[in-house]
Amino acid sequence: MNVKRKTLAALAVSAALFSAYASLERPAVKFYVSPDGADVNPGTRKSPLKTPQRAVELACAVKSDAKREIIFMDGYYELSKTIALPAGSHDFTFKAENRGKAVLSGAMSVTGWRKDPKDDRLITADLPFESPGKLQYYFMVNGKSASLSVYPQGVNIVCPAELGEGKNFTSLPYDPKSFPEGFDIASLDLESNWVVVPQEWASTRSYIATNDVANKRFILKTKTNMAIGKYNTGFKICNSRLGMLDPGDWMFDQRESKIIYYPREGEKPNEIFST
């Protein structure tokens, strides 16, 4: 029997902060992980650990300024939780012992799909695990990638001209006419949505702290890389119902811990998403 499934892959990306000089001059403390290992082991190559989280714990306990390397030996790793680094951790590198031979997967099946009570086009299901916070997820439907909800598509919402140019890094002005007709900008779910602001040399991703409707602007939770209004060409809103325009689009409702999906042609909840 060919059972079709829908999976949600939670991918956590950890930044390894180290300089080229440090990578050449400083020694590394290495901990090995293997699908056949055990978390009671010391984490050497001959006695590897079972989980990368245990390797992180042991690496953090080392009293040294050496780099920390978590090395994945060949095999398949099915991760049920996000790999978490303690606040202030740095100089961590995660790598495969042999390139392409260690496979990490955080895929989980999503079941219990039903019609979305807010929109007949869409279906919704509960997240199959407790969300550890504001993470981004990768969503697959029968092996085909779904598109994260983004508004607008193809262009950016243009920022009106700002006074005090060069000093504003958190106040993002918007034109209410840039949003779909009939959309109440005051109803935007700030807990789930974020904005992406493309700028001259980089782009900023930030959650919205406040929607100042009276003054037509978002107050961002984190600063942009460069001043708003000088180099940026506008912004997009991600993970919002605003962007649920095409079949194959999806979003994660952080507030209610639900997945919302716009089925492609021929996809039916009782056929595609049951296990």
Protein backbone atom coordinates (compact mmCIF):
# COMPACT_ATOMS: atom_id res chain seq x y z
CA MET A 1 0.00 0.00 0.00
CA ASN A 2 1.50 3.33 -1.06
CA VAL A 3 0.92 5.69 1.83
CA LYS A 4 1.30 9.38 1.03
CA ARG A 5 2.58 11.66 3.72
CA LYS A 6 3.12 15.29 4.34
CA THR A 7 6.23 16.20 6.22
CA LEU A 8 7.49 19.23 8.01
CA ALA A 9 11.23 19.59 8.18
CA ALA A 10 12.52 21.81 10.94
CA LEU A 11 15.93 22.98 9.94
CA ALA A 12 18.02 24.81 12.55
CA VAL A 13 21.05 26.69 11.29
CA SER A 14 23.91 27.37 13.73
CA ALA A 15 26.47 29.99 12.77
CA ALA A 16 30.10 29.04 13.37
CA LEU A 17 31.85 32.24 14.41
CA PHE A 18 35.56 32.06 13.85
CA SER A 19 38.24 34.03 12.02
CA ALA A 20 40.61 32.76 9.36
CA TYR A 21 43.50 33.44 11.71
CA ALA A 22 41.88 31.52 14.54
CA SER A 23 41.15 28.56 12.31
CA LEU A 24 44.84 28.35 11.43
CA GLU A 25 46.37 29.04 14.83
CA ARG A 26 44.02 27.75 17.47
CA PRO A 27 43.59 24.07 18.35
CA ALA A 28 40.18 22.41 18.20
CA VAL A 29 38.36 20.30 20.76
CA LYS A 30 36.58 17.58 18.78
CA PHE A 31 33.53 15.54 19.68
CA TYR A 32 32.34 12.74 17.40
CA VAL A 33 28.72 11.72 16.88
CA SER A 34 27.51 8.48 15.31
CA PRO A 35 24.07 6.87 14.75
CA ASP A 36 25.57 3.85 16.54
CA GLY A 37 27.09 5.87 19.39
CA ALA A 38 25.90 6.32 22.98
CA ASP A 39 25.54 9.50 25.00
CA VAL A 40 27.38 7.89 27.93
CA ASN A 41 30.52 7.77 25.76
CA PRO A 42 33.23 10.46 25.92
CA GLY A 43 32.72 11.49 22.29
CA THR A 44 36.02 10.30 20.83
CA ARG A 45 36.19 8.76 17.39
CA LYS A 46 36.45 5.28 18.91
CA SER A 47 33.65 5.98 21.43
CA PRO A 48 31.32 8.48 19.73
CA LEU A 49 28.19 10.05 21.14
CA LYS A 50 24.65 9.34 19.95
CA THR A 51 23.18 12.85 19.75
CA PRO A 52 24.65 16.18 18.65
CA GLN A 53 22.97 17.90 21.59
CA ARG A 54 25.03 15.82 24.02
CA ALA A 55 28.14 16.74 22.03
CA VAL A 56 27.25 20.43 22.43
CA GLU A 57 26.84 19.98 26.20
CA LEU A 58 30.25 18.32 26.55
CA ALA A 59 31.89 20.91 24.30
CA CYS A 60 30.46 23.77 26.39
CA ALA A 61 31.82 22.15 29.53
CA VAL A 62 35.40 22.29 28.25
CA LYS A 63 37.34 25.06 30.03
CA SER A 64 39.41 26.24 27.10
CA ASP A 65 39.48 28.94 24.43
CA ALA A 66 39.92 26.25 21.76
CA LYS A 67 37.47 25.94 18.91
CA ARG A 68 34.70 23.37 19.28
CA GLU A 69 34.08 20.92 16.46
CA ILE A 70 31.09 18.56 16.35
CA ILE A 71 31.91 15.89 13.79
CA PHE A 72 29.20 13.67 12.31
CA MET A 73 30.39 10.21 11.31
CA ASP A 74 28.78 8.44 8.34
CA GLY A 75 25.10 7.59 8.70
CA TYR A 76 21.54 8.88 8.94
CA TYR A 77 20.54 11.13 11.84
CA GLU A 78 16.85 11.63 12.55
CA LEU A 79 16.55 14.72 14.74
CA SER A 80 13.43 15.11 16.86
CA LYS A 81 14.54 18.39 18.47
CA THR A 82 16.41 21.50 17.39
CA ILE A 83 20.11 21.54 18.25
CA ALA A 84 20.36 24.36 20.82
CA LEU A 85 23.46 26.34 21.69
CA PRO A 86 23.58 28.12 25.06
CA ALA A 87 23.46 31.91 24.97
CA GLY A 88 26.90 33.36 24.40
CA SER A 89 28.29 30.22 22.76
CA HIS A 90 30.71 30.77 19.91
CA ASP A 91 33.45 29.09 17.91
CA PHE A 92 31.27 26.06 17.12
CA THR A 93 31.65 24.16 13.86
CA PHE A 94 29.36 21.32 12.79
CA LYS A 95 30.69 19.17 9.96
CA ALA A 96 30.59 15.73 8.39
CA GLU A 97 33.61 13.50 8.80
CA ASN A 98 33.23 12.53 5.15
CA ARG A 99 31.53 14.97 2.84
CA GLY A 100 28.06 13.83 1.79
CA LYS A 101 28.12 10.74 4.03
CA ALA A 102 26.29 12.15 7.07
CA VAL A 103 22.60 12.93 6.52
CA LEU A 104 20.62 14.98 9.07
CA SER A 105 16.82 14.98 8.90
CA GLY A 106 14.25 16.72 11.08
CA ALA A 107 11.24 15.60 9.05
CA MET A 108 7.97 14.84 10.79
CA SER A 109 4.57 13.85 9.44
CA VAL A 110 1.73 16.36 9.75
CA THR A 111 -1.73 14.79 10.06
CA GLY A 112 -5.25 15.76 11.08
CA TRP A 113 -5.82 18.21 8.22
CA ARG A 114 -9.12 20.09 8.07
CA LYS A 115 -10.65 23.06 6.31
CA ASP A 116 -9.41 26.42 7.53
CA PRO A 117 -12.40 28.16 9.17
CA LYS A 118 -11.01 31.56 8.09
CA ASP A 119 -10.60 30.76 4.38
CA ASP A 120 -12.26 28.01 2.30
CA ARG A 121 -9.26 27.81 -0.04
CA LEU A 122 -6.95 26.68 2.73
CA ILE A 123 -6.48 23.72 5.06
CA THR A 124 -4.87 23.66 8.49
CA ALA A 125 -3.33 21.19 10.95
CA ASP A 126 -1.68 21.35 14.35
CA LEU A 127 2.10 21.48 14.51
CA PRO A 128 3.18 17.92 15.48
CA PHE A 129 5.62 19.13 18.13
CA GLU A 130 5.96 22.01 20.56
CA SER A 131 7.56 24.95 18.83
CA PRO A 132 10.66 26.12 20.73
CA GLY A 133 10.18 29.71 19.57
CA LYS A 134 10.40 31.84 16.47
CA LEU A 135 12.02 29.37 14.09
CA GLN A 136 11.72 28.97 10.35
CA TYR A 137 10.58 25.63 8.96
CA TYR A 138 10.93 23.89 5.62
CA PHE A 139 7.70 22.35 4.32
CA MET A 140 7.44 19.41 1.89
CA VAL A 141 4.33 17.86 0.32
CA ASN A 142 4.95 14.36 -1.04
CA GLY A 143 8.53 15.26 -1.84
CA LYS A 144 7.67 18.63 -3.43
CA SER A 145 8.69 21.85 -1.72
CA ALA A 146 5.95 24.27 -0.68
CA SER A 147 6.48 28.02 -0.98
CA LEU A 148 6.61 30.10 2.20
CA SER A 149 3.94 32.78 2.17
CA VAL A 150 5.44 36.09 0.96
CA TYR A 151 3.70 39.38 0.17
CA PRO A 152 4.00 40.98 -2.26
CA GLN A 153 5.34 38.50 -4.81
CA GLY A 154 7.86 39.72 -7.37
CA VAL A 155 8.13 43.29 -6.02
CA ASN A 156 8.67 45.07 -2.72
CA ILE A 157 6.43 47.38 -0.73
CA VAL A 158 8.08 50.74 -1.32
CA CYS A 159 8.96 52.76 1.78
CA PRO A 160 7.78 56.39 1.74
CA ALA A 161 10.51 59.04 2.03
CA GLU A 162 11.84 59.44 5.56
CA LEU A 163 13.07 62.48 7.44
CA GLY A 164 16.28 62.12 9.41
CA GLU A 165 17.77 59.83 6.75
CA GLY A 166 20.82 57.92 7.98
CA LYS A 167 19.65 57.63 11.58
CA ASN A 168 16.55 55.43 11.37
CA PHE A 169 17.23 51.70 11.78
CA THR A 170 14.00 50.44 13.32
CA SER A 171 11.04 52.50 12.06
CA LEU A 172 9.78 51.02 8.78
CA PRO A 173 7.13 53.23 7.10
CA TYR A 174 4.50 51.75 4.81
CA ASP A 175 1.79 52.97 2.46
CA PRO A 176 -1.57 51.34 3.36
CA LYS A 177 -2.47 51.47 -0.35
CA SER A 178 0.34 48.93 -0.98
CA PHE A 179 -1.70 46.20 0.70
CA PRO A 180 -4.60 44.23 -0.84
CA GLU A 181 -7.89 46.05 -1.18
CA GLY A 182 -10.03 45.51 1.89
CA PHE A 183 -7.14 44.30 4.06
CA ASP A 184 -7.13 45.74 7.57
CA ILE A 185 -3.46 46.44 8.29
CA ALA A 186 -4.28 46.68 12.01
CA SER A 187 -5.22 42.96 11.99
CA LEU A 188 -1.74 41.75 10.94
CA ASP A 189 -0.59 38.88 13.21
CA LEU A 190 2.63 40.37 14.58
CA GLU A 191 3.57 37.25 16.54
CA SER A 192 3.85 35.08 13.42
CA ASN A 193 4.98 37.48 10.70
CA TRP A 194 8.33 39.08 9.93
CA VAL A 195 9.68 41.50 7.35
CA VAL A 196 12.65 41.22 4.99
CA VAL A 197 14.26 44.52 4.05
CA PRO A 198 16.68 44.26 1.07
CA GLN A 199 19.40 46.88 1.23
CA GLU A 200 22.55 47.83 -0.65
CA TRP A 201 24.92 45.15 0.64
CA ALA A 202 22.72 42.88 2.70
CA SER A 203 19.14 42.23 3.75
CA THR A 204 17.60 42.42 7.21
CA ARG A 205 15.09 39.93 8.59
CA SER A 206 13.21 41.13 11.64
CA TYR A 207 10.03 40.45 13.55
CA ILE A 208 7.69 43.38 14.11
CA ALA A 209 7.55 44.74 17.66
CA THR A 210 4.73 47.23 17.06
CA ASN A 211 2.40 48.14 14.23
CA ASP A 212 1.99 51.91 14.60
CA VAL A 213 -1.13 52.19 12.45
CA ALA A 214 -1.72 55.86 13.26
CA ASN A 215 1.72 56.83 11.91
CA LYS A 216 1.74 54.14 9.18
CA ARG A 217 4.89 52.32 10.22
CA PHE A 218 6.25 49.11 11.75
CA ILE A 219 8.62 49.33 14.71
CA LEU A 220 11.08 46.45 14.26
CA LYS A 221 12.38 44.16 17.01
CA THR A 222 15.93 44.27 15.65
CA LYS A 223 17.84 46.99 13.81
CA THR A 224 18.35 46.92 10.07
CA ASN A 225 21.88 46.56 8.68
CA MET A 226 21.73 50.04 7.19
CA ALA A 227 19.55 53.10 7.68
CA ILE A 228 16.00 52.75 6.34
CA GLY A 229 15.19 55.04 3.44
CA LYS A 230 18.71 55.53 2.12
CA TYR A 231 19.67 52.32 0.36
CA ASN A 232 16.78 49.92 0.82
CA THR A 233 14.26 49.34 -1.97
CA GLY A 234 11.27 48.52 0.23
CA PHE A 235 10.32 45.35 2.08
CA LYS A 236 8.31 42.12 2.01
CA ILE A 237 6.10 40.53 4.65
CA CYS A 238 6.75 36.82 5.20
CA ASN A 239 4.73 34.04 6.85
CA SER A 240 1.44 35.92 6.57
CA ARG A 241 -2.03 35.20 5.21
CA LEU A 242 -1.36 38.17 2.94
CA GLY A 243 0.89 35.96 0.85
CA MET A 244 -1.43 32.94 0.63
CA LEU A 245 -2.25 33.69 -2.99
CA ASP A 246 -1.19 30.61 -4.97
CA PRO A 247 -1.62 26.82 -4.58
CA GLY A 248 1.48 25.43 -2.90
CA ASP A 249 1.85 28.38 -0.51
CA TRP A 250 2.01 27.78 3.24
CA MET A 251 2.62 29.58 6.53
CA PHE A 252 3.17 28.73 10.18
CA ASP A 253 0.79 30.39 12.62
CA GLN A 254 3.04 30.95 15.64
CA ARG A 255 0.21 32.25 17.80
CA GLU A 256 -1.96 29.14 17.39
CA SER A 257 0.87 26.69 16.59
CA LYS A 258 -0.75 25.57 13.31
CA ILE A 259 0.35 24.91 9.75
CA ILE A 260 -1.78 26.57 7.06
CA TYR A 261 -1.55 25.32 3.48
CA TYR A 262 -3.09 26.20 0.09
CA PRO A 263 -3.49 22.76 -1.65
CA ARG A 264 -2.37 22.31 -5.22
CA GLU A 265 -4.80 21.02 -7.82
CA GLY A 266 -5.85 17.45 -7.04
CA GLU A 267 -4.58 17.53 -3.44
CA LYS A 268 -7.30 16.63 -0.94
CA PRO A 269 -6.82 16.47 2.82
CA ASN A 270 -8.46 13.05 3.29
CA GLU A 271 -6.32 11.52 0.53
CA ILE A 272 -2.99 13.30 0.56
CA PHE A 273 -2.39 14.03 4.19
CA SER A 274 -3.57 10.92 6.06
CA THR A 275 -1.05 8.30 7.17
